[in-house]
Amino acid sequence: MNAEKLAASLRRIESLVQECLHAVGEESGKPVTKKLATKVLKAEKITLPNLIVELRDSGFFSEPRTAREVQEKLKPKYPCEPDRAAMALKRLMERKQLRKASKDVEGSKQVAYAW
């Protein structure tokens, strides 16, 4: 790809980004700021907390779930260790995006999370 084509492509990408940010600003009724633009870009990232919140919104946490259950559910999309899932669940609970509960697993009570 020569320099002219590359520059034209970059200008096109920049104009598309500006259009998207302008549309987001119009929907919220607020002018687009750098903070809002960063928030929009972060919202699209595939992160462990974002995936857990998607599970919550789909009703997965209608009954209490342990970190192991959450990790098993997310394994196809986001393979991670159970302790990472447990820490993400704990942080979401601290941000009041999940509630802490308990669940009997094989005769012993374990920490679980619900919504």
C-alpha atoms as a PDB file:
ATOM      1  CA  MET A   1       0.000   0.000   0.000  1.00  0.00           C
ATOM      2  CA  ASN A   2       1.516   3.308  -0.989  1.00  0.00           C
ATOM      3  CA  ALA A   3       1.628   6.403   1.209  1.00  0.00           C
ATOM      4  CA  GLU A   4      -1.295   8.161  -0.534  1.00  0.00           C
ATOM      5  CA  LYS A   5      -3.658   5.208  -0.091  1.00  0.00           C
ATOM      6  CA  LEU A   6      -2.579   4.817   3.510  1.00  0.00           C
ATOM      7  CA  ALA A   7      -3.174   8.485   4.260  1.00  0.00           C
ATOM      8  CA  ALA A   8      -6.599   8.363   2.581  1.00  0.00           C
ATOM      9  CA  SER A   9      -7.549   5.286   4.592  1.00  0.00           C
ATOM     10  CA  LEU A  10      -6.469   6.915   7.830  1.00  0.00           C
ATOM     11  CA  ARG A  11      -8.492  10.048   7.049  1.00  0.00           C
ATOM     12  CA  ARG A  12     -11.543   7.885   6.323  1.00  0.00           C
ATOM     13  CA  ILE A  13     -11.128   6.009   9.601  1.00  0.00           C
ATOM     14  CA  GLU A  14     -10.759   9.271  11.507  1.00  0.00           C
ATOM     15  CA  SER A  15     -13.932  10.685   9.937  1.00  0.00           C
ATOM     16  CA  LEU A  16     -15.872   7.518  10.812  1.00  0.00           C
ATOM     17  CA  VAL A  17     -14.701   7.709  14.425  1.00  0.00           C
ATOM     18  CA  GLN A  18     -15.720  11.360  14.623  1.00  0.00           C
ATOM     19  CA  GLU A  19     -19.179  10.519  13.210  1.00  0.00           C
ATOM     20  CA  CYS A  20     -19.649   7.767  15.788  1.00  0.00           C
ATOM     21  CA  LEU A  21     -18.556   9.987  18.658  1.00  0.00           C
ATOM     22  CA  HIS A  22     -20.811  12.773  17.427  1.00  0.00           C
ATOM     23  CA  ALA A  23     -23.765  10.336  17.299  1.00  0.00           C
ATOM     24  CA  VAL A  24     -23.045   9.166  20.841  1.00  0.00           C
ATOM     25  CA  GLY A  25     -22.936  12.779  22.020  1.00  0.00           C
ATOM     26  CA  GLU A  26     -26.282  13.526  20.364  1.00  0.00           C
ATOM     27  CA  GLU A  27     -27.988  10.525  21.971  1.00  0.00           C
ATOM     28  CA  SER A  28     -26.938  11.510  25.461  1.00  0.00           C
ATOM     29  CA  GLY A  29     -27.668  15.187  24.891  1.00  0.00           C
ATOM     30  CA  LYS A  30     -24.164  16.075  26.029  1.00  0.00           C
ATOM     31  CA  PRO A  31     -21.254  17.279  23.932  1.00  0.00           C
ATOM     32  CA  VAL A  32     -18.632  14.667  23.178  1.00  0.00           C
ATOM     33  CA  THR A  33     -15.718  14.990  25.537  1.00  0.00           C
ATOM     34  CA  LYS A  34     -12.485  13.068  25.715  1.00  0.00           C
ATOM     35  CA  LYS A  35     -13.799  11.303  28.825  1.00  0.00           C
ATOM     36  CA  LEU A  36     -16.969  10.197  27.002  1.00  0.00           C
ATOM     37  CA  ALA A  37     -14.964   9.023  24.002  1.00  0.00           C
ATOM     38  CA  THR A  38     -12.727   6.939  26.276  1.00  0.00           C
ATOM     39  CA  LYS A  39     -15.778   5.487  28.010  1.00  0.00           C
ATOM     40  CA  VAL A  40     -17.279   4.443  24.654  1.00  0.00           C
ATOM     41  CA  LEU A  41     -14.072   2.761  23.577  1.00  0.00           C
ATOM     42  CA  LYS A  42     -13.651   0.936  26.910  1.00  0.00           C
ATOM     43  CA  ALA A  43     -17.224  -0.349  26.795  1.00  0.00           C
ATOM     44  CA  GLU A  44     -16.462  -2.418  23.720  1.00  0.00           C
ATOM     45  CA  LYS A  45     -13.456  -4.230  25.182  1.00  0.00           C
ATOM     46  CA  ILE A  46     -13.845  -7.897  26.009  1.00  0.00           C
ATOM     47  CA  THR A  47     -12.863  -8.048  29.653  1.00  0.00           C
ATOM     48  CA  LEU A  48     -13.672 -10.491  32.405  1.00  0.00           C
ATOM     49  CA  PRO A  49     -15.857  -8.017  34.338  1.00  0.00           C
ATOM     50  CA  ASN A  50     -17.746  -7.060  31.159  1.00  0.00           C
ATOM     51  CA  LEU A  51     -18.452 -10.716  30.398  1.00  0.00           C
ATOM     52  CA  ILE A  52     -19.647 -11.335  33.958  1.00  0.00           C
ATOM     53  CA  VAL A  53     -21.982  -8.329  33.727  1.00  0.00           C
ATOM     54  CA  GLU A  54     -23.327  -9.767  30.439  1.00  0.00           C
ATOM     55  CA  LEU A  55     -24.031 -13.031  32.270  1.00  0.00           C
ATOM     56  CA  ARG A  56     -25.789 -11.069  35.016  1.00  0.00           C
ATOM     57  CA  ASP A  57     -27.936  -9.234  32.472  1.00  0.00           C
ATOM     58  CA  SER A  58     -28.884 -12.518  30.790  1.00  0.00           C
ATOM     59  CA  GLY A  59     -30.210 -13.903  34.108  1.00  0.00           C
ATOM     60  CA  PHE A  60     -27.355 -16.278  34.957  1.00  0.00           C
ATOM     61  CA  PHE A  61     -27.165 -14.912  38.505  1.00  0.00           C
ATOM     62  CA  SER A  62     -30.877 -15.330  39.249  1.00  0.00           C
ATOM     63  CA  GLU A  63     -29.749 -18.050  41.641  1.00  0.00           C
ATOM     64  CA  PRO A  64     -26.446 -17.868  43.554  1.00  0.00           C
ATOM     65  CA  ARG A  65     -23.373 -18.959  41.590  1.00  0.00           C
ATOM     66  CA  THR A  66     -19.876 -19.734  42.832  1.00  0.00           C
ATOM     67  CA  ALA A  67     -16.680 -18.515  41.200  1.00  0.00           C
ATOM     68  CA  ARG A  68     -16.064 -22.016  39.835  1.00  0.00           C
ATOM     69  CA  GLU A  69     -19.488 -22.063  38.117  1.00  0.00           C
ATOM     70  CA  VAL A  70     -18.879 -18.639  36.602  1.00  0.00           C
ATOM     71  CA  GLN A  71     -15.427 -19.674  35.404  1.00  0.00           C
ATOM     72  CA  GLU A  72     -16.850 -22.821  33.786  1.00  0.00           C
ATOM     73  CA  LYS A  73     -19.578 -20.803  32.046  1.00  0.00           C
ATOM     74  CA  LEU A  74     -17.041 -18.291  30.692  1.00  0.00           C
ATOM     75  CA  LYS A  75     -14.424 -20.878  29.686  1.00  0.00           C
ATOM     76  CA  PRO A  76     -15.421 -20.969  25.959  1.00  0.00           C
ATOM     77  CA  LYS A  77     -15.303 -17.164  25.610  1.00  0.00           C
ATOM     78  CA  TYR A  78     -12.633 -16.220  28.148  1.00  0.00           C
ATOM     79  CA  PRO A  79     -10.442 -18.987  29.554  1.00  0.00           C
ATOM     80  CA  CYS A  80      -9.054 -18.003  32.948  1.00  0.00           C
ATOM     81  CA  GLU A  81      -8.211 -19.427  36.339  1.00  0.00           C
ATOM     82  CA  PRO A  82     -10.959 -19.716  38.992  1.00  0.00           C
ATOM     83  CA  ASP A  83      -9.144 -17.286  41.300  1.00  0.00           C
ATOM     84  CA  ARG A  84      -9.278 -14.567  38.595  1.00  0.00           C
ATOM     85  CA  ALA A  85     -13.021 -15.119  38.275  1.00  0.00           C
ATOM     86  CA  ALA A  86     -13.361 -14.965  42.071  1.00  0.00           C
ATOM     87  CA  MET A  87     -11.488 -11.656  42.253  1.00  0.00           C
ATOM     88  CA  ALA A  88     -13.556 -10.171  39.398  1.00  0.00           C
ATOM     89  CA  LEU A  89     -16.754 -11.259  41.170  1.00  0.00           C
ATOM     90  CA  LYS A  90     -15.553  -9.717  44.428  1.00  0.00           C
ATOM     91  CA  ARG A  91     -14.763  -6.418  42.720  1.00  0.00           C
ATOM     92  CA  LEU A  92     -18.150  -6.358  40.989  1.00  0.00           C
ATOM     93  CA  MET A  93     -19.768  -6.982  44.372  1.00  0.00           C
ATOM     94  CA  GLU A  94     -17.831  -4.065  45.858  1.00  0.00           C
ATOM     95  CA  ARG A  95     -19.095  -1.861  42.995  1.00  0.00           C
ATOM     96  CA  LYS A  96     -22.626  -3.068  43.832  1.00  0.00           C
ATOM     97  CA  GLN A  97     -23.059  -4.768  40.459  1.00  0.00           C
ATOM     98  CA  LEU A  98     -23.559  -8.151  42.170  1.00  0.00           C
ATOM     99  CA  ARG A  99     -24.744  -9.276  45.606  1.00  0.00           C
ATOM    100  CA  LYS A 100     -22.914 -11.658  47.900  1.00  0.00           C
ATOM    101  CA  ALA A 101     -24.712 -14.847  48.935  1.00  0.00           C
ATOM    102  CA  SER A 102     -23.856 -18.322  50.169  1.00  0.00           C
ATOM    103  CA  LYS A 103     -24.462 -21.704  48.610  1.00  0.00           C
ATOM    104  CA  ASP A 104     -24.222 -25.264  49.893  1.00  0.00           C
ATOM    105  CA  VAL A 105     -21.787 -27.238  47.763  1.00  0.00           C
ATOM    106  CA  GLU A 106     -21.231 -30.856  48.786  1.00  0.00           C
ATOM    107  CA  GLY A 107     -22.254 -30.178  52.377  1.00  0.00           C
ATOM    108  CA  SER A 108     -20.190 -27.015  52.922  1.00  0.00           C
ATOM    109  CA  LYS A 109     -21.155 -23.396  52.509  1.00  0.00           C
ATOM    110  CA  GLN A 110     -19.301 -21.424  49.866  1.00  0.00           C
ATOM    111  CA  VAL A 111     -19.320 -17.788  48.857  1.00  0.00           C
ATOM    112  CA  ALA A 112     -21.619 -17.224  45.895  1.00  0.00           C
ATOM    113  CA  TYR A 113     -22.901 -14.227  43.989  1.00  0.00           C
ATOM    114  CA  ALA A 114     -26.420 -13.380  42.840  1.00  0.00           C
ATOM    115  CA  TRP A 115     -28.417 -10.552  41.318  1.00  0.00           C
END
